[in-house]
Amino acid sequence: MLTKRKVRMVVGVFVASIFGGLLTALLFKDLPEGNADIVKVLVGFIGGAFVTMVSFYFGDKEQGADE
């Protein structure tokens, strides 16, 4: 059975992978003109989720009994 800690880790790895993949796509692929804005908005949204995740895991506050 998955604990809270494992679920958080899985979600974190998923968000980091998606963010990395989108950044790679922006750097190395030529995006069609019609899709470029959508991809940029998506990268911004996932980037915000990534920053939230990093601040959660590496923040200064204690996280409770899970740790």
PDB file of N, CA and C in Angstrom:
ATOM      1  N   MET A   1       0.838  -1.182   0.000  1.00  0.00           N
ATOM      2  CA  MET A   1       0.000   0.000   0.000  1.00  0.00           C
ATOM      3  C   MET A   1       0.881   1.243   0.000  1.00  0.00           C
ATOM      4  N   LEU A   2       0.494   2.220  -0.766  1.00  0.00           N
ATOM      5  CA  LEU A   2       1.277   3.449  -0.873  1.00  0.00           C
ATOM      6  C   LEU A   2       1.018   4.355   0.322  1.00  0.00           C
ATOM      7  N   THR A   3       2.080   4.862   0.884  1.00  0.00           N
ATOM      8  CA  THR A   3       1.952   5.831   1.957  1.00  0.00           C
ATOM      9  C   THR A   3       1.943   7.234   1.357  1.00  0.00           C
ATOM     10  N   LYS A   4       1.642   8.220   2.194  1.00  0.00           N
ATOM     11  CA  LYS A   4       1.638   9.607   1.724  1.00  0.00           C
ATOM     12  C   LYS A   4       2.990   9.989   1.144  1.00  0.00           C
ATOM     13  N   ARG A   5       4.043   9.552   1.805  1.00  0.00           N
ATOM     14  CA  ARG A   5       5.391   9.905   1.366  1.00  0.00           C
ATOM     15  C   ARG A   5       5.687   9.347  -0.024  1.00  0.00           C
ATOM     16  N   LYS A   6       5.288   8.094  -0.276  1.00  0.00           N
ATOM     17  CA  LYS A   6       5.533   7.482  -1.582  1.00  0.00           C
ATOM     18  C   LYS A   6       4.703   8.148  -2.670  1.00  0.00           C
ATOM     19  N   VAL A   7       3.460   8.478  -2.335  1.00  0.00           N
ATOM     20  CA  VAL A   7       2.602   9.145  -3.319  1.00  0.00           C
ATOM     21  C   VAL A   7       3.187  10.506  -3.679  1.00  0.00           C
ATOM     22  N   ARG A   8       3.663  11.244  -2.677  1.00  0.00           N
ATOM     23  CA  ARG A   8       4.279  12.541  -2.945  1.00  0.00           C
ATOM     24  C   ARG A   8       5.508  12.392  -3.829  1.00  0.00           C
ATOM     25  N   MET A   9       6.295  11.354  -3.574  1.00  0.00           N
ATOM     26  CA  MET A   9       7.491  11.134  -4.377  1.00  0.00           C
ATOM     27  C   MET A   9       7.114  10.818  -5.831  1.00  0.00           C
ATOM     28  N   VAL A  10       6.109   9.980  -6.030  1.00  0.00           N
ATOM     29  CA  VAL A  10       5.679   9.619  -7.380  1.00  0.00           C
ATOM     30  C   VAL A  10       5.164  10.847  -8.123  1.00  0.00           C
ATOM     31  N   VAL A  11       4.352  11.646  -7.455  1.00  0.00           N
ATOM     32  CA  VAL A  11       3.835  12.864  -8.079  1.00  0.00           C
ATOM     33  C   VAL A  11       4.980  13.830  -8.387  1.00  0.00           C
ATOM     34  N   GLY A  12       5.930  13.948  -7.474  1.00  0.00           N
ATOM     35  CA  GLY A  12       7.079  14.823  -7.692  1.00  0.00           C
ATOM     36  C   GLY A  12       7.914  14.403  -8.878  1.00  0.00           C
ATOM     37  N   VAL A  13       8.186  13.111  -8.991  1.00  0.00           N
ATOM     38  CA  VAL A  13       8.960  12.606 -10.127  1.00  0.00           C
ATOM     39  C   VAL A  13       8.186  12.826 -11.428  1.00  0.00           C
ATOM     40  N   PHE A  14       6.889  12.624 -11.395  1.00  0.00           N
ATOM     41  CA  PHE A  14       6.055  12.835 -12.579  1.00  0.00           C
ATOM     42  C   PHE A  14       6.101  14.298 -13.025  1.00  0.00           C
ATOM     43  N   VAL A  15       5.919  15.227 -12.087  1.00  0.00           N
ATOM     44  CA  VAL A  15       5.924  16.656 -12.434  1.00  0.00           C
ATOM     45  C   VAL A  15       7.302  17.073 -12.951  1.00  0.00           C
ATOM     46  N   ALA A  16       8.368  16.597 -12.293  1.00  0.00           N
ATOM     47  CA  ALA A  16       9.722  16.939 -12.743  1.00  0.00           C
ATOM     48  C   ALA A  16       9.993  16.384 -14.136  1.00  0.00           C
ATOM     49  N   SER A  17       9.517  15.178 -14.421  1.00  0.00           N
ATOM     50  CA  SER A  17       9.717  14.577 -15.743  1.00  0.00           C
ATOM     51  C   SER A  17       8.975  15.347 -16.828  1.00  0.00           C
ATOM     52  N   ILE A  18       7.742  15.706 -16.548  1.00  0.00           N
ATOM     53  CA  ILE A  18       6.949  16.477 -17.516  1.00  0.00           C
ATOM     54  C   ILE A  18       7.611  17.833 -17.768  1.00  0.00           C
ATOM     55  N   PHE A  19       8.040  18.492 -16.695  1.00  0.00           N
ATOM     56  CA  PHE A  19       8.688  19.804 -16.836  1.00  0.00           C
ATOM     57  C   PHE A  19       9.970  19.691 -17.656  1.00  0.00           C
ATOM     58  N   GLY A  20      10.782  18.714 -17.362  1.00  0.00           N
ATOM     59  CA  GLY A  20      12.014  18.505 -18.119  1.00  0.00           C
ATOM     60  C   GLY A  20      11.744  18.183 -19.579  1.00  0.00           C
ATOM     61  N   GLY A  21      10.747  17.365 -19.831  1.00  0.00           N
ATOM     62  CA  GLY A  21      10.397  17.024 -21.207  1.00  0.00           C
ATOM     63  C   GLY A  21       9.909  18.228 -21.994  1.00  0.00           C
ATOM     64  N   LEU A  22       9.098  19.053 -21.354  1.00  0.00           N
ATOM     65  CA  LEU A  22       8.610  20.249 -22.034  1.00  0.00           C
ATOM     66  C   LEU A  22       9.742  21.239 -22.311  1.00  0.00           C
ATOM     67  N   LEU A  23      10.646  21.397 -21.353  1.00  0.00           N
ATOM     68  CA  LEU A  23      11.787  22.289 -21.598  1.00  0.00           C
ATOM     69  C   LEU A  23      12.661  21.761 -22.725  1.00  0.00           C
ATOM     70  N   THR A  24      12.868  20.457 -22.757  1.00  0.00           N
ATOM     71  CA  THR A  24      13.649  19.849 -23.834  1.00  0.00           C
ATOM     72  C   THR A  24      12.968  20.083 -25.182  1.00  0.00           C
ATOM     73  N   ALA A  25      11.655  19.926 -25.204  1.00  0.00           N
ATOM     74  CA  ALA A  25      10.916  20.159 -26.445  1.00  0.00           C
ATOM     75  C   ALA A  25      11.066  21.600 -26.913  1.00  0.00           C
ATOM     76  N   LEU A  26      11.029  22.548 -25.976  1.00  0.00           N
ATOM     77  CA  LEU A  26      11.182  23.947 -26.357  1.00  0.00           C
ATOM     78  C   LEU A  26      12.584  24.252 -26.866  1.00  0.00           C
ATOM     79  N   LEU A  27      13.581  23.594 -26.320  1.00  0.00           N
ATOM     80  CA  LEU A  27      14.956  23.881 -26.704  1.00  0.00           C
ATOM     81  C   LEU A  27      15.374  23.231 -28.017  1.00  0.00           C
ATOM     82  N   PHE A  28      14.898  22.018 -28.273  1.00  0.00           N
ATOM     83  CA  PHE A  28      15.433  21.243 -29.389  1.00  0.00           C
ATOM     84  C   PHE A  28      14.459  20.990 -30.529  1.00  0.00           C
ATOM     85  N   LYS A  29      13.213  21.308 -30.376  1.00  0.00           N
ATOM     86  CA  LYS A  29      12.225  21.089 -31.432  1.00  0.00           C
ATOM     87  C   LYS A  29      11.702  22.420 -31.944  1.00  0.00           C
ATOM     88  N   ASP A  30      11.457  22.464 -33.226  1.00  0.00           N
ATOM     89  CA  ASP A  30      10.779  23.619 -33.798  1.00  0.00           C
ATOM     90  C   ASP A  30       9.280  23.392 -33.658  1.00  0.00           C
ATOM     91  N   LEU A  31       8.649  24.274 -32.914  1.00  0.00           N
ATOM     92  CA  LEU A  31       7.215  24.134 -32.679  1.00  0.00           C
ATOM     93  C   LEU A  31       6.438  24.822 -33.792  1.00  0.00           C
ATOM     94  N   PRO A  32       5.343  24.212 -34.232  1.00  0.00           N
ATOM     95  CA  PRO A  32       4.487  24.894 -35.208  1.00  0.00           C
ATOM     96  C   PRO A  32       3.968  26.211 -34.631  1.00  0.00           C
ATOM     97  N   GLU A  33       3.820  27.184 -35.475  1.00  0.00           N
ATOM     98  CA  GLU A  33       3.430  28.530 -35.043  1.00  0.00           C
ATOM     99  C   GLU A  33       2.123  28.530 -34.245  1.00  0.00           C
ATOM    100  N   GLY A  34       1.182  27.707 -34.625  1.00  0.00           N
ATOM    101  CA  GLY A  34      -0.102  27.666 -33.934  1.00  0.00           C
ATOM    102  C   GLY A  34      -0.028  27.032 -32.555  1.00  0.00           C
ATOM    103  N   ASN A  35       0.926  26.158 -32.326  1.00  0.00           N
ATOM    104  CA  ASN A  35       1.029  25.459 -31.049  1.00  0.00           C
ATOM    105  C   ASN A  35       2.047  26.077 -30.101  1.00  0.00           C
ATOM    106  N   ALA A  36       2.851  26.991 -30.548  1.00  0.00           N
ATOM    107  CA  ALA A  36       3.931  27.543 -29.731  1.00  0.00           C
ATOM    108  C   ALA A  36       3.397  28.225 -28.472  1.00  0.00           C
ATOM    109  N   ASP A  37       2.350  29.010 -28.615  1.00  0.00           N
ATOM    110  CA  ASP A  37       1.795  29.708 -27.450  1.00  0.00           C
ATOM    111  C   ASP A  37       1.208  28.742 -26.441  1.00  0.00           C
ATOM    112  N   ILE A  38       0.551  27.704 -26.920  1.00  0.00           N
ATOM    113  CA  ILE A  38      -0.042  26.716 -26.018  1.00  0.00           C
ATOM    114  C   ILE A  38       1.050  26.002 -25.226  1.00  0.00           C
ATOM    115  N   VAL A  39       2.120  25.639 -25.891  1.00  0.00           N
ATOM    116  CA  VAL A  39       3.219  24.943 -25.212  1.00  0.00           C
ATOM    117  C   VAL A  39       3.885  25.864 -24.198  1.00  0.00           C
ATOM    118  N   LYS A  40       4.050  27.123 -24.527  1.00  0.00           N
ATOM    119  CA  LYS A  40       4.659  28.067 -23.592  1.00  0.00           C
ATOM    120  C   LYS A  40       3.794  28.261 -22.343  1.00  0.00           C
ATOM    121  N   VAL A  41       2.494  28.336 -22.509  1.00  0.00           N
ATOM    122  CA  VAL A  41       1.586  28.444 -21.363  1.00  0.00           C
ATOM    123  C   VAL A  41       1.649  27.170 -20.522  1.00  0.00           C
ATOM    124  N   LEU A  42       1.689  26.026 -21.178  1.00  0.00           N
ATOM    125  CA  LEU A  42       1.774  24.752 -20.469  1.00  0.00           C
ATOM    126  C   LEU A  42       3.074  24.649 -19.684  1.00  0.00           C
ATOM    127  N   VAL A  43       4.175  25.089 -20.261  1.00  0.00           N
ATOM    128  CA  VAL A  43       5.465  25.079 -19.550  1.00  0.00           C
ATOM    129  C   VAL A  43       5.399  26.010 -18.339  1.00  0.00           C
ATOM    130  N   GLY A  44       4.773  27.146 -18.469  1.00  0.00           N
ATOM    131  CA  GLY A  44       4.618  28.058 -17.333  1.00  0.00           C
ATOM    132  C   GLY A  44       3.789  27.453 -16.220  1.00  0.00           C
ATOM    133  N   PHE A  45       2.716  26.780 -16.582  1.00  0.00           N
ATOM    134  CA  PHE A  45       1.850  26.138 -15.593  1.00  0.00           C
ATOM    135  C   PHE A  45       2.586  25.015 -14.875  1.00  0.00           C
ATOM    136  N   ILE A  46       3.238  24.145 -15.625  1.00  0.00           N
ATOM    137  CA  ILE A  46       3.976  23.026 -15.031  1.00  0.00           C
ATOM    138  C   ILE A  46       5.178  23.554 -14.250  1.00  0.00           C
ATOM    139  N   GLY A  47       5.793  24.638 -14.721  1.00  0.00           N
ATOM    140  CA  GLY A  47       6.899  25.251 -13.987  1.00  0.00           C
ATOM    141  C   GLY A  47       6.449  25.747 -12.618  1.00  0.00           C
ATOM    142  N   GLY A  48       5.256  26.311 -12.540  1.00  0.00           N
ATOM    143  CA  GLY A  48       4.704  26.737 -11.247  1.00  0.00           C
ATOM    144  C   GLY A  48       4.480  25.551 -10.323  1.00  0.00           C
ATOM    145  N   ALA A  49       3.968  24.461 -10.869  1.00  0.00           N
ATOM    146  CA  ALA A  49       3.780  23.250 -10.070  1.00  0.00           C
ATOM    147  C   ALA A  49       5.126  22.705  -9.604  1.00  0.00           C
ATOM    148  N   PHE A  50       6.136  22.777 -10.463  1.00  0.00           N
ATOM    149  CA  PHE A  50       7.470  22.307 -10.111  1.00  0.00           C
ATOM    150  C   PHE A  50       8.066  23.141  -8.976  1.00  0.00           C
ATOM    151  N   VAL A  51       7.928  24.454  -9.055  1.00  0.00           N
ATOM    152  CA  VAL A  51       8.436  25.334  -8.003  1.00  0.00           C
ATOM    153  C   VAL A  51       7.717  25.065  -6.685  1.00  0.00           C
ATOM    154  N   THR A  52       6.413  24.867  -6.730  1.00  0.00           N
ATOM    155  CA  THR A  52       5.646  24.544  -5.526  1.00  0.00           C
ATOM    156  C   THR A  52       6.121  23.234  -4.923  1.00  0.00           C
ATOM    157  N   MET A  53       6.360  22.249  -5.761  1.00  0.00           N
ATOM    158  CA  MET A  53       6.830  20.949  -5.291  1.00  0.00           C
ATOM    159  C   MET A  53       8.202  21.066  -4.643  1.00  0.00           C
ATOM    160  N   VAL A  54       9.115  21.791  -5.273  1.00  0.00           N
ATOM    161  CA  VAL A  54      10.462  21.953  -4.721  1.00  0.00           C
ATOM    162  C   VAL A  54      10.407  22.701  -3.398  1.00  0.00           C
ATOM    163  N   SER A  55       9.594  23.746  -3.316  1.00  0.00           N
ATOM    164  CA  SER A  55       9.501  24.491  -2.058  1.00  0.00           C
ATOM    165  C   SER A  55       8.865  23.635  -0.965  1.00  0.00           C
ATOM    166  N   PHE A  56       7.992  22.726  -1.324  1.00  0.00           N
ATOM    167  CA  PHE A  56       7.397  21.825  -0.339  1.00  0.00           C
ATOM    168  C   PHE A  56       8.447  20.872   0.220  1.00  0.00           C
ATOM    169  N   TYR A  57       9.220  20.269  -0.650  1.00  0.00           N
ATOM    170  CA  TYR A  57      10.202  19.283  -0.208  1.00  0.00           C
ATOM    171  C   TYR A  57      11.417  19.912   0.455  1.00  0.00           C
ATOM    172  N   PHE A  58      11.840  21.074   0.008  1.00  0.00           N
ATOM    173  CA  PHE A  58      13.066  21.676   0.508  1.00  0.00           C
ATOM    174  C   PHE A  58      12.825  22.949   1.304  1.00  0.00           C
ATOM    175  N   GLY A  59      11.591  23.159   1.744  1.00  0.00           N
ATOM    176  CA  GLY A  59      11.274  24.338   2.543  1.00  0.00           C
ATOM    177  C   GLY A  59      11.869  24.259   3.938  1.00  0.00           C
ATOM    178  N   ASP A  60      11.842  25.379   4.653  1.00  0.00           N
ATOM    179  CA  ASP A  60      12.436  25.453   5.983  1.00  0.00           C
ATOM    180  C   ASP A  60      11.540  24.851   7.063  1.00  0.00           C
ATOM    181  N   LYS A  61      10.256  24.818   6.860  1.00  0.00           N
ATOM    182  CA  LYS A  61       9.334  24.345   7.896  1.00  0.00           C
ATOM    183  C   LYS A  61       9.366  22.832   8.010  1.00  0.00           C
ATOM    184  N   GLU A  62       9.067  22.358   9.185  1.00  0.00           N
ATOM    185  CA  GLU A  62       8.948  20.910   9.401  1.00  0.00           C
ATOM    186  C   GLU A  62       7.686  20.417   8.709  1.00  0.00           C
ATOM    187  N   GLN A  63       7.745  19.232   8.149  1.00  0.00           N
ATOM    188  CA  GLN A  63       6.627  18.701   7.385  1.00  0.00           C
ATOM    189  C   GLN A  63       5.721  17.798   8.219  1.00  0.00           C
ATOM    190  N   GLY A  64       6.033  17.539   9.442  1.00  0.00           N
ATOM    191  CA  GLY A  64       5.154  16.747  10.275  1.00  0.00           C
ATOM    192  C   GLY A  64       5.703  15.358  10.537  1.00  0.00           C
ATOM    193  N   ALA A  65       4.822  14.431  10.863  1.00  0.00           N
ATOM    194  CA  ALA A  65       5.207  13.092  11.281  1.00  0.00           C
ATOM    195  C   ALA A  65       5.689  12.220  10.127  1.00  0.00           C
ATOM    196  N   ASP A  66       5.452  12.630   8.875  1.00  0.00           N
ATOM    197  CA  ASP A  66       5.871  11.814   7.723  1.00  0.00           C
ATOM    198  C   ASP A  66       7.379  11.685   7.644  1.00  0.00           C
ATOM    199  N   GLU A  67       8.080  12.713   8.033  1.00  0.00           N
ATOM    200  CA  GLU A  67       9.536  12.787   7.830  1.00  0.00           C
ATOM    201  C   GLU A  67      10.254  11.848   8.694  1.00  0.00           C
TER     202      GLU A  67
END
